[in-house]
Amino acid sequence: MVERRVTIGWAEGLHARPASIFVRAATATGVPMTIARKGGTPVNAASMLAVLSLGAEGGEEVVLASSGATAEDEAAAEAAVDRLARLVSEGLEELPETV
């Protein structure tokens, strides 16, 4: 399992526009992923409703996680989590091509 703790870089947190950017990016990775508030229950990172339900604020720490069944899947999961972690921490408008 790949896991990254990251501080939300969008001032408004994961609400409306930033949540939409995040969900589109999570879906685009093609890798199943979860997001959780620190100490909270993980939710599907590709679900807009689930991400909005977190109520995560700017400057708050969240945990991104994914895992793969094979070594190749695990490498893809690690790359995807790293890219999403950068998106969230820097408050980017789109998923970075590479980390």
C-alpha atoms as a PDB file:
ATOM      1  CA  MET A   1       0.000   0.000   0.000  1.00  0.00           C
ATOM      2  CA  VAL A   2       1.201   3.468  -0.917  1.00  0.00           C
ATOM      3  CA  GLU A   3       0.256   6.299   1.407  1.00  0.00           C
ATOM      4  CA  ARG A   4       1.112  10.013   1.463  1.00  0.00           C
ATOM      5  CA  ARG A   5       0.219  12.628   4.049  1.00  0.00           C
ATOM      6  CA  VAL A   6      -0.198  16.022   2.445  1.00  0.00           C
ATOM      7  CA  THR A   7      -1.354  19.481   3.482  1.00  0.00           C
ATOM      8  CA  ILE A   8      -4.101  20.984   1.328  1.00  0.00           C
ATOM      9  CA  GLY A   9      -2.708  23.909  -0.647  1.00  0.00           C
ATOM     10  CA  TRP A  10      -6.029  25.361  -1.842  1.00  0.00           C
ATOM     11  CA  ALA A  11      -7.064  28.140   0.540  1.00  0.00           C
ATOM     12  CA  GLU A  12     -10.714  27.088   0.287  1.00  0.00           C
ATOM     13  CA  GLY A  13      -9.874  23.449   0.974  1.00  0.00           C
ATOM     14  CA  LEU A  14     -11.517  20.611  -0.937  1.00  0.00           C
ATOM     15  CA  HIS A  15     -14.739  22.478  -1.688  1.00  0.00           C
ATOM     16  CA  ALA A  16     -16.487  22.990  -5.043  1.00  0.00           C
ATOM     17  CA  ARG A  17     -13.845  23.940  -7.655  1.00  0.00           C
ATOM     18  CA  PRO A  18     -10.777  22.398  -5.938  1.00  0.00           C
ATOM     19  CA  ALA A  19     -12.733  19.220  -5.179  1.00  0.00           C
ATOM     20  CA  SER A  20     -13.767  19.020  -8.827  1.00  0.00           C
ATOM     21  CA  ILE A  21     -10.137  19.422  -9.934  1.00  0.00           C
ATOM     22  CA  PHE A  22      -9.053  16.756  -7.445  1.00  0.00           C
ATOM     23  CA  VAL A  23     -11.754  14.234  -8.436  1.00  0.00           C
ATOM     24  CA  ARG A  24     -11.060  14.666 -12.165  1.00  0.00           C
ATOM     25  CA  ALA A  25      -7.339  14.177 -11.489  1.00  0.00           C
ATOM     26  CA  ALA A  26      -7.921  11.106  -9.304  1.00  0.00           C
ATOM     27  CA  THR A  27     -10.119   9.585 -12.001  1.00  0.00           C
ATOM     28  CA  ALA A  28      -7.564  10.386 -14.718  1.00  0.00           C
ATOM     29  CA  THR A  29      -4.852   8.372 -12.960  1.00  0.00           C
ATOM     30  CA  GLY A  30      -6.796   5.168 -13.608  1.00  0.00           C
ATOM     31  CA  VAL A  31      -5.686   3.908 -10.197  1.00  0.00           C
ATOM     32  CA  PRO A  32      -8.155   3.213  -7.353  1.00  0.00           C
ATOM     33  CA  MET A  33      -7.389   5.717  -4.596  1.00  0.00           C
ATOM     34  CA  THR A  34      -8.762   6.935  -1.300  1.00  0.00           C
ATOM     35  CA  ILE A  35      -8.499  10.197   0.599  1.00  0.00           C
ATOM     36  CA  ALA A  36      -9.096  10.751   4.303  1.00  0.00           C
ATOM     37  CA  ARG A  37      -8.823  13.509   6.854  1.00  0.00           C
ATOM     38  CA  LYS A  38      -6.141  12.799   9.438  1.00  0.00           C
ATOM     39  CA  GLY A  39      -7.547  10.041  11.657  1.00  0.00           C
ATOM     40  CA  GLY A  40     -10.729   9.812   9.541  1.00  0.00           C
ATOM     41  CA  THR A  41     -12.349   7.158   7.413  1.00  0.00           C
ATOM     42  CA  PRO A  42     -10.990   6.925   3.852  1.00  0.00           C
ATOM     43  CA  VAL A  43     -13.384   7.698   0.985  1.00  0.00           C
ATOM     44  CA  ASN A  44     -13.199   7.080  -2.761  1.00  0.00           C
ATOM     45  CA  ALA A  45     -11.020   9.844  -4.264  1.00  0.00           C
ATOM     46  CA  ALA A  46     -12.902   9.562  -7.586  1.00  0.00           C
ATOM     47  CA  SER A  47     -16.278  10.411  -6.001  1.00  0.00           C
ATOM     48  CA  MET A  48     -17.220  14.086  -5.910  1.00  0.00           C
ATOM     49  CA  LEU A  49     -19.846  13.527  -3.230  1.00  0.00           C
ATOM     50  CA  ALA A  50     -17.436  11.530  -1.055  1.00  0.00           C
ATOM     51  CA  VAL A  51     -14.662  14.137  -1.366  1.00  0.00           C
ATOM     52  CA  LEU A  52     -17.043  17.013  -0.576  1.00  0.00           C
ATOM     53  CA  SER A  53     -18.368  15.080   2.427  1.00  0.00           C
ATOM     54  CA  LEU A  54     -14.895  15.187   3.987  1.00  0.00           C
ATOM     55  CA  GLY A  55     -15.219  18.928   4.600  1.00  0.00           C
ATOM     56  CA  ALA A  56     -11.429  19.215   4.364  1.00  0.00           C
ATOM     57  CA  GLU A  57     -10.165  22.774   4.858  1.00  0.00           C
ATOM     58  CA  GLY A  58      -7.159  24.586   3.412  1.00  0.00           C
ATOM     59  CA  GLY A  59      -4.017  23.904   5.442  1.00  0.00           C
ATOM     60  CA  GLU A  60      -5.452  20.668   6.812  1.00  0.00           C
ATOM     61  CA  GLU A  61      -3.584  17.379   6.432  1.00  0.00           C
ATOM     62  CA  VAL A  62      -5.157  14.575   4.393  1.00  0.00           C
ATOM     63  CA  VAL A  63      -3.988  11.061   3.632  1.00  0.00           C
ATOM     64  CA  LEU A  64      -3.941   9.756   0.051  1.00  0.00           C
ATOM     65  CA  ALA A  65      -3.668   5.988  -0.345  1.00  0.00           C
ATOM     66  CA  SER A  66      -3.654   3.347  -3.082  1.00  0.00           C
ATOM     67  CA  SER A  67      -2.394  -0.173  -3.585  1.00  0.00           C
ATOM     68  CA  GLY A  68      -1.775  -2.584  -6.416  1.00  0.00           C
ATOM     69  CA  ALA A  69      -2.104  -6.353  -6.683  1.00  0.00           C
ATOM     70  CA  THR A  70       1.215  -6.768  -8.505  1.00  0.00           C
ATOM     71  CA  ALA A  71       4.588  -5.003  -8.375  1.00  0.00           C
ATOM     72  CA  GLU A  72       3.688  -3.214 -11.609  1.00  0.00           C
ATOM     73  CA  ASP A  73       0.344  -2.104 -10.172  1.00  0.00           C
ATOM     74  CA  GLU A  74       2.096  -0.955  -7.007  1.00  0.00           C
ATOM     75  CA  ALA A  75       4.515   1.178  -9.052  1.00  0.00           C
ATOM     76  CA  ALA A  76       1.571   2.760 -10.895  1.00  0.00           C
ATOM     77  CA  ALA A  77      -0.160   3.395  -7.570  1.00  0.00           C
ATOM     78  CA  GLU A  78       2.939   5.062  -6.166  1.00  0.00           C
ATOM     79  CA  ALA A  79       3.313   7.345  -9.197  1.00  0.00           C
ATOM     80  CA  ALA A  80      -0.386   8.263  -9.090  1.00  0.00           C
ATOM     81  CA  VAL A  81      -0.327   9.047  -5.374  1.00  0.00           C
ATOM     82  CA  ASP A  82       2.807  11.183  -5.804  1.00  0.00           C
ATOM     83  CA  ARG A  83       1.169  13.175  -8.622  1.00  0.00           C
ATOM     84  CA  LEU A  84      -2.043  13.726  -6.653  1.00  0.00           C
ATOM     85  CA  ALA A  85      -0.065  14.673  -3.549  1.00  0.00           C
ATOM     86  CA  ARG A  86       1.686  17.385  -5.558  1.00  0.00           C
ATOM     87  CA  LEU A  87      -1.635  18.602  -6.994  1.00  0.00           C
ATOM     88  CA  VAL A  88      -3.142  18.902  -3.514  1.00  0.00           C
ATOM     89  CA  SER A  89      -0.133  20.369  -1.702  1.00  0.00           C
ATOM     90  CA  GLU A  90       0.550  23.010  -4.352  1.00  0.00           C
ATOM     91  CA  GLY A  91      -3.123  23.754  -5.070  1.00  0.00           C
ATOM     92  CA  LEU A  92      -2.596  23.202  -8.794  1.00  0.00           C
ATOM     93  CA  GLU A  93      -5.270  23.568 -11.467  1.00  0.00           C
ATOM     94  CA  GLU A  94      -4.421  20.271 -13.200  1.00  0.00           C
ATOM     95  CA  LEU A  95      -2.649  17.003 -12.568  1.00  0.00           C
ATOM     96  CA  PRO A  96       1.114  17.358 -13.152  1.00  0.00           C
ATOM     97  CA  GLU A  97       2.533  15.144 -15.911  1.00  0.00           C
ATOM     98  CA  THR A  98       5.359  13.942 -13.680  1.00  0.00           C
ATOM     99  CA  VAL A  99       6.519  14.525 -10.147  1.00  0.00           C
END
